[in-house]
Amino acid sequence: PKEVAGRSRALSEAATRAQLRAREDRIAEGERRVEALQQANRRLEDSARELSKLVAERDSELERALARLDGVEELVGEVLRLRGALRAAQQEGREAARERGGAPPARRGLPALPPP
């Protein structure tokens, strides 16, 4: 009976030690996972900061492009206005030449605009 009790106690202690080792292993693995997740989180935060910088740069580039586009639109509007004024002047010139009986400006060497 003493031998059986001693073996039983030894088995029980061995089982307890095995459970403790398994628990320590699980804790260590959990700590490794936590550290890996923290590192991944830091990398994600760094990437997010870089992405934010790139977005801000692109936003600035777009703002500058839009400002240039506004300038181009103004120039196009001015060109169209001047083209209309030139056409009106050409038409007036043709009408005046007809009234005087002369040749229209295009036949006297002045270039005519293409039809609208």
PDB file of N, CA and C in Angstrom:
ATOM      1  N   PRO A   1       0.807  -1.205   0.000  1.00  0.00           N
ATOM      2  CA  PRO A   1       0.000   0.000   0.000  1.00  0.00           C
ATOM      3  C   PRO A   1       0.850   1.269   0.000  1.00  0.00           C
ATOM      4  N   LYS A   2       1.986   1.262   0.753  1.00  0.00           N
ATOM      5  CA  LYS A   2       2.833   2.445   0.740  1.00  0.00           C
ATOM      6  C   LYS A   2       3.421   2.670  -0.638  1.00  0.00           C
ATOM      7  N   GLU A   3       3.792   1.568  -1.300  1.00  0.00           N
ATOM      8  CA  GLU A   3       4.363   1.655  -2.632  1.00  0.00           C
ATOM      9  C   GLU A   3       3.344   2.218  -3.618  1.00  0.00           C
ATOM     10  N   VAL A   4       2.133   1.765  -3.508  1.00  0.00           N
ATOM     11  CA  VAL A   4       1.055   2.230  -4.392  1.00  0.00           C
ATOM     12  C   VAL A   4       0.788   3.705  -4.133  1.00  0.00           C
ATOM     13  N   ALA A   5       0.762   4.093  -2.868  1.00  0.00           N
ATOM     14  CA  ALA A   5       0.522   5.496  -2.533  1.00  0.00           C
ATOM     15  C   ALA A   5       1.663   6.356  -3.045  1.00  0.00           C
ATOM     16  N   GLY A   6       2.909   5.879  -2.932  1.00  0.00           N
ATOM     17  CA  GLY A   6       4.065   6.627  -3.417  1.00  0.00           C
ATOM     18  C   GLY A   6       4.035   6.780  -4.929  1.00  0.00           C
ATOM     19  N   ARG A   7       3.686   5.684  -5.604  1.00  0.00           N
ATOM     20  CA  ARG A   7       3.586   5.752  -7.066  1.00  0.00           C
ATOM     21  C   ARG A   7       2.461   6.686  -7.485  1.00  0.00           C
ATOM     22  N   SER A   8       1.357   6.581  -6.770  1.00  0.00           N
ATOM     23  CA  SER A   8       0.210   7.434  -7.077  1.00  0.00           C
ATOM     24  C   SER A   8       0.578   8.906  -6.896  1.00  0.00           C
ATOM     25  N   ARG A   9       1.266   9.181  -5.799  1.00  0.00           N
ATOM     26  CA  ARG A   9       1.694  10.565  -5.540  1.00  0.00           C
ATOM     27  C   ARG A   9       2.697  11.013  -6.619  1.00  0.00           C
ATOM     28  N   ALA A  10       3.633  10.160  -6.980  1.00  0.00           N
ATOM     29  CA  ALA A  10       4.633  10.491  -8.003  1.00  0.00           C
ATOM     30  C   ALA A  10       3.944  10.748  -9.348  1.00  0.00           C
ATOM     31  N   LEU A  11       2.973   9.924  -9.683  1.00  0.00           N
ATOM     32  CA  LEU A  11       2.230  10.113 -10.934  1.00  0.00           C
ATOM     33  C   LEU A  11       1.440  11.419 -10.892  1.00  0.00           C
ATOM     34  N   SER A  12       0.847  11.677  -9.746  1.00  0.00           N
ATOM     35  CA  SER A  12       0.074  12.894  -9.584  1.00  0.00           C
ATOM     36  C   SER A  12       0.975  14.117  -9.706  1.00  0.00           C
ATOM     37  N   GLU A  13       2.153  14.070  -9.075  1.00  0.00           N
ATOM     38  CA  GLU A  13       3.084  15.187  -9.162  1.00  0.00           C
ATOM     39  C   GLU A  13       3.598  15.360 -10.594  1.00  0.00           C
ATOM     40  N   ALA A  14       3.870  14.249 -11.275  1.00  0.00           N
ATOM     41  CA  ALA A  14       4.327  14.308 -12.672  1.00  0.00           C
ATOM     42  C   ALA A  14       3.237  14.920 -13.561  1.00  0.00           C
ATOM     43  N   ALA A  15       2.006  14.532 -13.321  1.00  0.00           N
ATOM     44  CA  ALA A  15       0.886  15.086 -14.095  1.00  0.00           C
ATOM     45  C   ALA A  15       0.749  16.578 -13.829  1.00  0.00           C
ATOM     46  N   THR A  16       0.913  16.967 -12.573  1.00  0.00           N
ATOM     47  CA  THR A  16       0.826  18.381 -12.216  1.00  0.00           C
ATOM     48  C   THR A  16       1.943  19.162 -12.895  1.00  0.00           C
ATOM     49  N   ARG A  17       3.179  18.601 -12.881  1.00  0.00           N
ATOM     50  CA  ARG A  17       4.299  19.272 -13.537  1.00  0.00           C
ATOM     51  C   ARG A  17       4.048  19.392 -15.049  1.00  0.00           C
ATOM     52  N   ALA A  18       3.510  18.344 -15.634  1.00  0.00           N
ATOM     53  CA  ALA A  18       3.213  18.368 -17.073  1.00  0.00           C
ATOM     54  C   ALA A  18       2.153  19.429 -17.376  1.00  0.00           C
ATOM     55  N   GLN A  19       1.142  19.522 -16.516  1.00  0.00           N
ATOM     56  CA  GLN A  19       0.112  20.550 -16.700  1.00  0.00           C
ATOM     57  C   GLN A  19       0.708  21.947 -16.569  1.00  0.00           C
ATOM     58  N   LEU A  20       1.605  22.133 -15.585  1.00  0.00           N
ATOM     59  CA  LEU A  20       2.252  23.430 -15.392  1.00  0.00           C
ATOM     60  C   LEU A  20       3.121  23.791 -16.594  1.00  0.00           C
ATOM     61  N   ARG A  21       3.896  22.791 -17.107  1.00  0.00           N
ATOM     62  CA  ARG A  21       4.719  23.053 -18.299  1.00  0.00           C
ATOM     63  C   ARG A  21       3.844  23.419 -19.497  1.00  0.00           C
ATOM     64  N   ALA A  22       2.745  22.686 -19.664  1.00  0.00           N
ATOM     65  CA  ALA A  22       1.845  22.969 -20.780  1.00  0.00           C
ATOM     66  C   ALA A  22       1.252  24.378 -20.638  1.00  0.00           C
ATOM     67  N   ARG A  23       0.902  24.733 -19.397  1.00  0.00           N
ATOM     68  CA  ARG A  23       0.348  26.074 -19.150  1.00  0.00           C
ATOM     69  C   ARG A  23       1.400  27.146 -19.423  1.00  0.00           C
ATOM     70  N   GLU A  24       2.633  26.912 -18.957  1.00  0.00           N
ATOM     71  CA  GLU A  24       3.717  27.864 -19.214  1.00  0.00           C
ATOM     72  C   GLU A  24       3.985  27.993 -20.720  1.00  0.00           C
ATOM     73  N   ASP A  25       3.929  26.877 -21.428  1.00  0.00           N
ATOM     74  CA  ASP A  25       4.121  26.907 -22.890  1.00  0.00           C
ATOM     75  C   ASP A  25       3.027  27.727 -23.571  1.00  0.00           C
ATOM     76  N   ARG A  26       1.773  27.536 -23.116  1.00  0.00           N
ATOM     77  CA  ARG A  26       0.655  28.300 -23.694  1.00  0.00           C
ATOM     78  C   ARG A  26       0.819  29.791 -23.408  1.00  0.00           C
ATOM     79  N   ILE A  27       1.265  30.108 -22.191  1.00  0.00           N
ATOM     80  CA  ILE A  27       1.490  31.520 -21.818  1.00  0.00           C
ATOM     81  C   ILE A  27       2.597  32.109 -22.691  1.00  0.00           C
ATOM     82  N   ALA A  28       3.701  31.356 -22.834  1.00  0.00           N
ATOM     83  CA  ALA A  28       4.819  31.839 -23.656  1.00  0.00           C
ATOM     84  C   ALA A  28       4.373  32.029 -25.103  1.00  0.00           C
ATOM     85  N   GLU A  29       3.596  31.091 -25.615  1.00  0.00           N
ATOM     86  CA  GLU A  29       3.096  31.221 -26.998  1.00  0.00           C
ATOM     87  C   GLU A  29       2.177  32.438 -27.113  1.00  0.00           C
ATOM     88  N   GLY A  30       1.329  32.647 -26.127  1.00  0.00           N
ATOM     89  CA  GLY A  30       0.461  33.827 -26.123  1.00  0.00           C
ATOM     90  C   GLY A  30       1.267  35.112 -26.101  1.00  0.00           C
ATOM     91  N   GLU A  31       2.326  35.144 -25.309  1.00  0.00           N
ATOM     92  CA  GLU A  31       3.184  36.332 -25.252  1.00  0.00           C
ATOM     93  C   GLU A  31       3.863  36.578 -26.603  1.00  0.00           C
ATOM     94  N   ARG A  32       4.318  35.493 -27.259  1.00  0.00           N
ATOM     95  CA  ARG A  32       4.927  35.636 -28.595  1.00  0.00           C
ATOM     96  C   ARG A  32       3.911  36.183 -29.597  1.00  0.00           C
ATOM     97  N   ARG A  33       2.696  35.687 -29.501  1.00  0.00           N
ATOM     98  CA  ARG A  33       1.647  36.177 -30.412  1.00  0.00           C
ATOM     99  C   ARG A  33       1.336  37.652 -30.157  1.00  0.00           C
ATOM    100  N   VAL A  34       1.267  38.019 -28.891  1.00  0.00           N
ATOM    101  CA  VAL A  34       1.009  39.425 -28.532  1.00  0.00           C
ATOM    102  C   VAL A  34       2.111  40.307 -29.104  1.00  0.00           C
ATOM    103  N   GLU A  35       3.366  39.907 -28.934  1.00  0.00           N
ATOM    104  CA  GLU A  35       4.488  40.690 -29.457  1.00  0.00           C
ATOM    105  C   GLU A  35       4.417  40.779 -30.991  1.00  0.00           C
ATOM    106  N   ALA A  36       4.113  39.660 -31.648  1.00  0.00           N
ATOM    107  CA  ALA A  36       3.998  39.676 -33.110  1.00  0.00           C
ATOM    108  C   ALA A  36       2.873  40.602 -33.556  1.00  0.00           C
ATOM    109  N   LEU A  37       1.754  40.574 -32.842  1.00  0.00           N
ATOM    110  CA  LEU A  37       0.633  41.457 -33.177  1.00  0.00           C
ATOM    111  C   LEU A  37       0.986  42.917 -32.937  1.00  0.00           C
ATOM    112  N   GLN A  38       1.712  43.178 -31.872  1.00  0.00           N
ATOM    113  CA  GLN A  38       2.129  44.561 -31.595  1.00  0.00           C
ATOM    114  C   GLN A  38       3.071  45.068 -32.687  1.00  0.00           C
ATOM    115  N   GLN A  39       3.985  44.210 -33.117  1.00  0.00           N
ATOM    116  CA  GLN A  39       4.890  44.608 -34.207  1.00  0.00           C
ATOM    117  C   GLN A  39       4.105  44.866 -35.491  1.00  0.00           C
ATOM    118  N   ALA A  40       3.170  43.978 -35.801  1.00  0.00           N
ATOM    119  CA  ALA A  40       2.346  44.153 -37.000  1.00  0.00           C
ATOM    120  C   ALA A  40       1.543  45.447 -36.897  1.00  0.00           C
ATOM    121  N   ASN A  41       1.038  45.731 -35.706  1.00  0.00           N
ATOM    122  CA  ASN A  41       0.266  46.964 -35.496  1.00  0.00           C
ATOM    123  C   ASN A  41       1.145  48.193 -35.712  1.00  0.00           C
ATOM    124  N   ARG A  42       2.386  48.142 -35.214  1.00  0.00           N
ATOM    125  CA  ARG A  42       3.304  49.273 -35.425  1.00  0.00           C
ATOM    126  C   ARG A  42       3.584  49.456 -36.913  1.00  0.00           C
ATOM    127  N   ARG A  43       3.769  48.351 -37.633  1.00  0.00           N
ATOM    128  CA  ARG A  43       4.009  48.455 -39.086  1.00  0.00           C
ATOM    129  C   ARG A  43       2.787  49.045 -39.789  1.00  0.00           C
ATOM    130  N   LEU A  44       1.613  48.622 -39.373  1.00  0.00           N
ATOM    131  CA  LEU A  44       0.385  49.173 -39.965  1.00  0.00           C
ATOM    132  C   LEU A  44       0.252  50.661 -39.682  1.00  0.00           C
ATOM    133  N   GLU A  45       0.575  51.065 -38.466  1.00  0.00           N
ATOM    134  CA  GLU A  45       0.510  52.493 -38.123  1.00  0.00           C
ATOM    135  C   GLU A  45       1.513  53.289 -38.952  1.00  0.00           C
ATOM    136  N   ASP A  46       2.720  52.746 -39.139  1.00  0.00           N
ATOM    137  CA  ASP A  46       3.722  53.416 -39.984  1.00  0.00           C
ATOM    138  C   ASP A  46       3.213  53.532 -41.418  1.00  0.00           C
ATOM    139  N   SER A  47       2.640  52.446 -41.919  1.00  0.00           N
ATOM    140  CA  SER A  47       2.101  52.457 -43.280  1.00  0.00           C
ATOM    141  C   SER A  47       0.961  53.461 -43.399  1.00  0.00           C
ATOM    142  N   ALA A  48       0.125  53.542 -42.399  1.00  0.00           N
ATOM    143  CA  ALA A  48      -0.992  54.486 -42.424  1.00  0.00           C
ATOM    144  C   ALA A  48      -0.477  55.923 -42.451  1.00  0.00           C
ATOM    145  N   ARG A  49       0.576  56.204 -41.680  1.00  0.00           N
ATOM    146  CA  ARG A  49       1.163  57.548 -41.701  1.00  0.00           C
ATOM    147  C   ARG A  49       1.739  57.872 -43.082  1.00  0.00           C
ATOM    148  N   GLU A  50       2.448  56.911 -43.663  1.00  0.00           N
ATOM    149  CA  GLU A  50       3.020  57.120 -45.001  1.00  0.00           C
ATOM    150  C   GLU A  50       1.908  57.342 -46.023  1.00  0.00           C
ATOM    151  N   LEU A  51       0.875  56.536 -45.934  1.00  0.00           N
ATOM    152  CA  LEU A  51      -0.249  56.675 -46.856  1.00  0.00           C
ATOM    153  C   LEU A  51      -0.922  58.028 -46.690  1.00  0.00           C
ATOM    154  N   SER A  52      -1.047  58.466 -45.471  1.00  0.00           N
ATOM    155  CA  SER A  52      -1.652  59.772 -45.207  1.00  0.00           C
ATOM    156  C   SER A  52      -0.816  60.885 -45.835  1.00  0.00           C
ATOM    157  N   LYS A  53       0.514  60.766 -45.733  1.00  0.00           N
ATOM    158  CA  LYS A  53       1.398  61.759 -46.358  1.00  0.00           C
ATOM    159  C   LYS A  53       1.213  61.757 -47.874  1.00  0.00           C
ATOM    160  N   LEU A  54       1.159  60.548 -48.460  1.00  0.00           N
ATOM    161  CA  LEU A  54       0.986  60.455 -49.914  1.00  0.00           C
ATOM    162  C   LEU A  54      -0.344  61.049 -50.350  1.00  0.00           C
ATOM    163  N   VAL A  55      -1.388  60.781 -49.589  1.00  0.00           N
ATOM    164  CA  VAL A  55      -2.705  61.333 -49.919  1.00  0.00           C
ATOM    165  C   VAL A  55      -2.671  62.859 -49.848  1.00  0.00           C
ATOM    166  N   ALA A  56      -2.005  63.397 -48.840  1.00  0.00           N
ATOM    167  CA  ALA A  56      -1.903  64.856 -48.702  1.00  0.00           C
ATOM    168  C   ALA A  56      -1.128  65.443 -49.881  1.00  0.00           C
ATOM    169  N   GLU A  57      -0.042  64.768 -50.300  1.00  0.00           N
ATOM    170  CA  GLU A  57       0.729  65.246 -51.455  1.00  0.00           C
ATOM    171  C   GLU A  57      -0.124  65.221 -52.720  1.00  0.00           C
ATOM    172  N   ARG A  58      -0.841  64.131 -52.924  1.00  0.00           N
ATOM    173  CA  ARG A  58      -1.695  64.014 -54.120  1.00  0.00           C
ATOM    174  C   ARG A  58      -2.801  65.070 -54.085  1.00  0.00           C
ATOM    175  N   ASP A  59      -3.323  65.307 -52.896  1.00  0.00           N
ATOM    176  CA  ASP A  59      -4.368  66.314 -52.750  1.00  0.00           C
ATOM    177  C   ASP A  59      -3.831  67.684 -53.152  1.00  0.00           C
ATOM    178  N   SER A  60      -2.611  67.992 -52.721  1.00  0.00           N
ATOM    179  CA  SER A  60      -1.987  69.269 -53.092  1.00  0.00           C
ATOM    180  C   SER A  60      -1.773  69.339 -54.603  1.00  0.00           C
ATOM    181  N   GLU A  61      -1.307  68.232 -55.175  1.00  0.00           N
ATOM    182  CA  GLU A  61      -1.097  68.201 -56.626  1.00  0.00           C
ATOM    183  C   GLU A  61      -2.423  68.426 -57.364  1.00  0.00           C
ATOM    184  N   LEU A  62      -3.475  67.801 -56.872  1.00  0.00           N
ATOM    185  CA  LEU A  62      -4.788  67.969 -57.505  1.00  0.00           C
ATOM    186  C   LEU A  62      -5.273  69.409 -57.381  1.00  0.00           C
ATOM    187  N   GLU A  63      -5.054  70.011 -56.224  1.00  0.00           N
ATOM    188  CA  GLU A  63      -5.456  71.410 -56.037  1.00  0.00           C
ATOM    189  C   GLU A  63      -4.717  72.308 -57.023  1.00  0.00           C
ATOM    190  N   ARG A  64      -3.407  72.064 -57.185  1.00  0.00           N
ATOM    191  CA  ARG A  64      -2.629  72.879 -58.138  1.00  0.00           C
ATOM    192  C   ARG A  64      -3.124  72.642 -59.569  1.00  0.00           C
ATOM    193  N   ALA A  65      -3.420  71.390 -59.893  1.00  0.00           N
ATOM    194  CA  ALA A  65      -3.914  71.072 -61.236  1.00  0.00           C
ATOM    195  C   ALA A  65      -5.267  71.744 -61.482  1.00  0.00           C
ATOM    196  N   LEU A  66      -6.124  71.745 -60.466  1.00  0.00           N
ATOM    197  CA  LEU A  66      -7.424  72.399 -60.613  1.00  0.00           C
ATOM    198  C   LEU A  66      -7.262  73.902 -60.797  1.00  0.00           C
ATOM    199  N   ALA A  67      -6.310  74.486 -60.087  1.00  0.00           N
ATOM    200  CA  ALA A  67      -6.057  75.922 -60.238  1.00  0.00           C
ATOM    201  C   ALA A  67      -5.569  76.212 -61.663  1.00  0.00           C
ATOM    202  N   ARG A  68      -4.679  75.348 -62.180  1.00  0.00           N
ATOM    203  CA  ARG A  68      -4.212  75.534 -63.565  1.00  0.00           C
ATOM    204  C   ARG A  68      -5.369  75.364 -64.539  1.00  0.00           C
ATOM    205  N   LEU A  69      -6.223  74.400 -64.261  1.00  0.00           N
ATOM    206  CA  LEU A  69      -7.375  74.160 -65.126  1.00  0.00           C
ATOM    207  C   LEU A  69      -8.306  75.366 -65.132  1.00  0.00           C
ATOM    208  N   ASP A  70      -8.501  75.985 -63.986  1.00  0.00           N
ATOM    209  CA  ASP A  70      -9.312  77.202 -63.928  1.00  0.00           C
ATOM    210  C   ASP A  70      -8.703  78.273 -64.830  1.00  0.00           C
ATOM    211  N   GLY A  71      -7.371  78.407 -64.779  1.00  0.00           N
ATOM    212  CA  GLY A  71      -6.699  79.380 -65.635  1.00  0.00           C
ATOM    213  C   GLY A  71      -6.886  79.051 -67.106  1.00  0.00           C
ATOM    214  N   VAL A  72      -6.804  77.767 -67.435  1.00  0.00           N
ATOM    215  CA  VAL A  72      -6.992  77.344 -68.827  1.00  0.00           C
ATOM    216  C   VAL A  72      -8.428  77.626 -69.264  1.00  0.00           C
ATOM    217  N   GLU A  73      -9.379  77.356 -68.398  1.00  0.00           N
ATOM    218  CA  GLU A  73     -10.782  77.618 -68.734  1.00  0.00           C
ATOM    219  C   GLU A  73     -11.001  79.111 -69.000  1.00  0.00           C
ATOM    220  N   GLU A  74     -10.351  79.944 -68.195  1.00  0.00           N
ATOM    221  CA  GLU A  74     -10.470  81.386 -68.422  1.00  0.00           C
ATOM    222  C   GLU A  74      -9.883  81.757 -69.780  1.00  0.00           C
ATOM    223  N   LEU A  75      -8.725  81.177 -70.104  1.00  0.00           N
ATOM    224  CA  LEU A  75      -8.104  81.462 -71.406  1.00  0.00           C
ATOM    225  C   LEU A  75      -8.976  80.977 -72.553  1.00  0.00           C
ATOM    226  N   VAL A  76      -9.547  79.811 -72.425  1.00  0.00           N
ATOM    227  CA  VAL A  76     -10.426  79.284 -73.473  1.00  0.00           C
ATOM    228  C   VAL A  76     -11.629  80.205 -73.639  1.00  0.00           C
ATOM    229  N   GLY A  77     -12.184  80.659 -72.532  1.00  0.00           N
ATOM    230  CA  GLY A  77     -13.311  81.593 -72.609  1.00  0.00           C
ATOM    231  C   GLY A  77     -12.922  82.871 -73.326  1.00  0.00           C
ATOM    232  N   GLU A  78     -11.744  83.386 -73.028  1.00  0.00           N
ATOM    233  CA  GLU A  78     -11.266  84.603 -73.680  1.00  0.00           C
ATOM    234  C   GLU A  78     -11.033  84.360 -75.172  1.00  0.00           C
ATOM    235  N   VAL A  79     -10.448  83.217 -75.512  1.00  0.00           N
ATOM    236  CA  VAL A  79     -10.228  82.880 -76.931  1.00  0.00           C
ATOM    237  C   VAL A  79     -11.570  82.794 -77.663  1.00  0.00           C
ATOM    238  N   LEU A  80     -12.541  82.147 -77.054  1.00  0.00           N
ATOM    239  CA  LEU A  80     -13.860  82.035 -77.696  1.00  0.00           C
ATOM    240  C   LEU A  80     -14.505  83.405 -77.858  1.00  0.00           C
ATOM    241  N   ARG A  81     -14.360  84.254 -76.849  1.00  0.00           N
ATOM    242  CA  ARG A  81     -14.910  85.604 -76.947  1.00  0.00           C
ATOM    243  C   ARG A  81     -14.245  86.369 -78.088  1.00  0.00           C
ATOM    244  N   LEU A  82     -12.908  86.282 -78.155  1.00  0.00           N
ATOM    245  CA  LEU A  82     -12.185  86.977 -79.227  1.00  0.00           C
ATOM    246  C   LEU A  82     -12.521  86.397 -80.592  1.00  0.00           C
ATOM    247  N   ARG A  83     -12.688  85.094 -80.662  1.00  0.00           N
ATOM    248  CA  ARG A  83     -13.054  84.457 -81.933  1.00  0.00           C
ATOM    249  C   ARG A  83     -14.424  84.950 -82.397  1.00  0.00           C
ATOM    250  N   GLY A  84     -15.348  85.056 -81.442  1.00  0.00           N
ATOM    251  CA  GLY A  84     -16.674  85.575 -81.784  1.00  0.00           C
ATOM    252  C   GLY A  84     -16.597  87.014 -82.260  1.00  0.00           C
ATOM    253  N   ALA A  85     -15.776  87.823 -81.570  1.00  0.00           N
ATOM    254  CA  ALA A  85     -15.620  89.225 -81.980  1.00  0.00           C
ATOM    255  C   ALA A  85     -14.988  89.312 -83.359  1.00  0.00           C
ATOM    256  N   LEU A  86     -13.999  88.444 -83.640  1.00  0.00           N
ATOM    257  CA  LEU A  86     -13.363  88.436 -84.956  1.00  0.00           C
ATOM    258  C   LEU A  86     -14.354  88.023 -86.038  1.00  0.00           C
ATOM    259  N   ARG A  87     -15.149  87.037 -85.775  1.00  0.00           N
ATOM    260  CA  ARG A  87     -16.167  86.608 -86.757  1.00  0.00           C
ATOM    261  C   ARG A  87     -17.162  87.743 -87.027  1.00  0.00           C
ATOM    262  N   ALA A  88     -17.567  88.398 -85.928  1.00  0.00           N
ATOM    263  CA  ALA A  88     -18.505  89.509 -86.112  1.00  0.00           C
ATOM    264  C   ALA A  88     -17.857  90.611 -86.953  1.00  0.00           C
ATOM    265  N   ALA A  89     -16.573  90.901 -86.692  1.00  0.00           N
ATOM    266  CA  ALA A  89     -15.875  91.928 -87.477  1.00  0.00           C
ATOM    267  C   ALA A  89     -15.735  91.491 -88.930  1.00  0.00           C
ATOM    268  N   GLN A  90     -15.439  90.207 -89.147  1.00  0.00           N
ATOM    269  CA  GLN A  90     -15.335  89.704 -90.524  1.00  0.00           C
ATOM    270  C   GLN A  90     -16.682  89.831 -91.243  1.00  0.00           C
ATOM    271  N   GLN A  91     -17.728  89.476 -90.537  1.00  0.00           N
ATOM    272  CA  GLN A  91     -19.060  89.562 -91.150  1.00  0.00           C
ATOM    273  C   GLN A  91     -19.387  91.015 -91.495  1.00  0.00           C
ATOM    274  N   GLU A  92     -19.056  91.914 -90.545  1.00  0.00           N
ATOM    275  CA  GLU A  92     -19.290  93.334 -90.822  1.00  0.00           C
ATOM    276  C   GLU A  92     -18.475  93.781 -92.032  1.00  0.00           C
ATOM    277  N   GLY A  93     -17.232  93.305 -92.113  1.00  0.00           N
ATOM    278  CA  GLY A  93     -16.373  93.649 -93.246  1.00  0.00           C
ATOM    279  C   GLY A  93     -16.943  93.130 -94.548  1.00  0.00           C
ATOM    280  N   ARG A  94     -17.442  91.914 -94.558  1.00  0.00           N
ATOM    281  CA  ARG A  94     -18.050  91.353 -95.783  1.00  0.00           C
ATOM    282  C   ARG A  94     -19.285  92.156 -96.187  1.00  0.00           C
ATOM    283  N   GLU A  95     -20.096  92.485 -95.176  1.00  0.00           N
ATOM    284  CA  GLU A  95     -21.303  93.258 -95.481  1.00  0.00           C
ATOM    285  C   GLU A  95     -20.939  94.639 -96.013  1.00  0.00           C
ATOM    286  N   ALA A  96     -19.950  95.266 -95.402  1.00  0.00           N
ATOM    287  CA  ALA A  96     -19.533  96.593 -95.868  1.00  0.00           C
ATOM    288  C   ALA A  96     -18.963  96.510 -97.276  1.00  0.00           C
ATOM    289  N   ALA A  97     -18.209  95.454 -97.576  1.00  0.00           N
ATOM    290  CA  ALA A  97     -17.628  95.290 -98.911  1.00  0.00           C
ATOM    291  C   ALA A  97     -18.722  95.067 -99.937  1.00  0.00           C
ATOM    292  N   ARG A  98     -19.738  94.309 -99.582  1.00  0.00           N
ATOM    293  CA  ARG A  98     -20.859  94.077-100.505  1.00  0.00           C
ATOM    294  C   ARG A  98     -21.578  95.393-100.802  1.00  0.00           C
ATOM    295  N   GLU A  99     -21.759  96.175 -99.740  1.00  0.00           N
ATOM    296  CA  GLU A  99     -22.443  97.457 -99.920  1.00  0.00           C
ATOM    297  C   GLU A  99     -21.636  98.378-100.832  1.00  0.00           C
ATOM    298  N   ARG A 100     -20.319  98.312-100.719  1.00  0.00           N
ATOM    299  CA  ARG A 100     -19.465  99.149-101.567  1.00  0.00           C
ATOM    300  C   ARG A 100     -19.235  98.489-102.924  1.00  0.00           C
ATOM    301  N   GLY A 101     -19.562  97.214-103.035  1.00  0.00           N
ATOM    302  CA  GLY A 101     -19.353  96.514-104.291  1.00  0.00           C
ATOM    303  C   GLY A 101     -17.966  95.926-104.419  1.00  0.00           C
ATOM    304  N   GLY A 102     -17.217  95.866-103.368  1.00  0.00           N
ATOM    305  CA  GLY A 102     -15.862  95.329-103.409  1.00  0.00           C
ATOM    306  C   GLY A 102     -15.825  93.850-103.069  1.00  0.00           C
ATOM    307  N   ALA A 103     -14.649  93.273-103.123  1.00  0.00           N
ATOM    308  CA  ALA A 103     -14.465  91.857-102.810  1.00  0.00           C
ATOM    309  C   ALA A 103     -14.455  91.670-101.296  1.00  0.00           C
ATOM    310  N   PRO A 104     -14.946  90.522-100.811  1.00  0.00           N
ATOM    311  CA  PRO A 104     -14.895  90.239 -99.369  1.00  0.00           C
ATOM    312  C   PRO A 104     -13.442  90.117 -98.902  1.00  0.00           C
ATOM    313  N   PRO A 105     -13.171  90.332 -97.624  1.00  0.00           N
ATOM    314  CA  PRO A 105     -11.799  90.325 -97.105  1.00  0.00           C
ATOM    315  C   PRO A 105     -11.033  89.056 -97.433  1.00  0.00           C
ATOM    316  N   ALA A 106     -11.664  87.900 -97.472  1.00  0.00           N
ATOM    317  CA  ALA A 106     -10.950  86.658 -97.724  1.00  0.00           C
ATOM    318  C   ALA A 106     -10.325  86.673 -99.112  1.00  0.00           C
ATOM    319  N   ARG A 107     -10.894  87.356-100.033  1.00  0.00           N
ATOM    320  CA  ARG A 107     -10.343  87.381-101.396  1.00  0.00           C
ATOM    321  C   ARG A 107      -9.238  88.416-101.525  1.00  0.00           C
ATOM    322  N   ARG A 108      -9.097  89.279-100.556  1.00  0.00           N
ATOM    323  CA  ARG A 108      -8.035  90.275-100.594  1.00  0.00           C
ATOM    324  C   ARG A 108      -6.807  89.807 -99.821  1.00  0.00           C
ATOM    325  N   GLY A 109      -6.766  88.515 -99.464  1.00  0.00           N
ATOM    326  CA  GLY A 109      -5.603  87.965 -98.802  1.00  0.00           C
ATOM    327  C   GLY A 109      -5.725  87.834 -97.293  1.00  0.00           C
ATOM    328  N   LEU A 110      -6.853  88.205 -96.715  1.00  0.00           N
ATOM    329  CA  LEU A 110      -7.047  88.015 -95.269  1.00  0.00           C
ATOM    330  C   LEU A 110      -7.630  86.632 -95.026  1.00  0.00           C
ATOM    331  N   PRO A 111      -7.127  85.943 -94.072  1.00  0.00           N
ATOM    332  CA  PRO A 111      -7.648  84.581 -93.831  1.00  0.00           C
ATOM    333  C   PRO A 111      -9.053  84.625 -93.244  1.00  0.00           C
ATOM    334  N   ALA A 112      -9.884  83.712 -93.687  1.00  0.00           N
ATOM    335  CA  ALA A 112     -11.226  83.593 -93.146  1.00  0.00           C
ATOM    336  C   ALA A 112     -11.227  82.482 -92.092  1.00  0.00           C
ATOM    337  N   LEU A 113     -12.001  82.647 -91.055  1.00  0.00           N
ATOM    338  CA  LEU A 113     -12.133  81.601 -90.046  1.00  0.00           C
ATOM    339  C   LEU A 113     -12.998  80.466 -90.593  1.00  0.00           C
ATOM    340  N   PRO A 114     -12.731  79.260 -90.166  1.00  0.00           N
ATOM    341  CA  PRO A 114     -13.602  78.167 -90.600  1.00  0.00           C
ATOM    342  C   PRO A 114     -14.983  78.353 -89.997  1.00  0.00           C
ATOM    343  N   PRO A 115     -15.981  77.803 -90.657  1.00  0.00           N
ATOM    344  CA  PRO A 115     -17.342  77.955 -90.113  1.00  0.00           C
ATOM    345  C   PRO A 115     -17.441  77.338 -88.734  1.00  0.00           C
ATOM    346  N   PRO A 116     -18.335  77.863 -87.897  1.00  0.00           N
ATOM    347  CA  PRO A 116     -18.451  77.358 -86.517  1.00  0.00           C
ATOM    348  C   PRO A 116     -18.911  75.906 -86.473  1.00  0.00           C
TER     349      PRO A 116
END
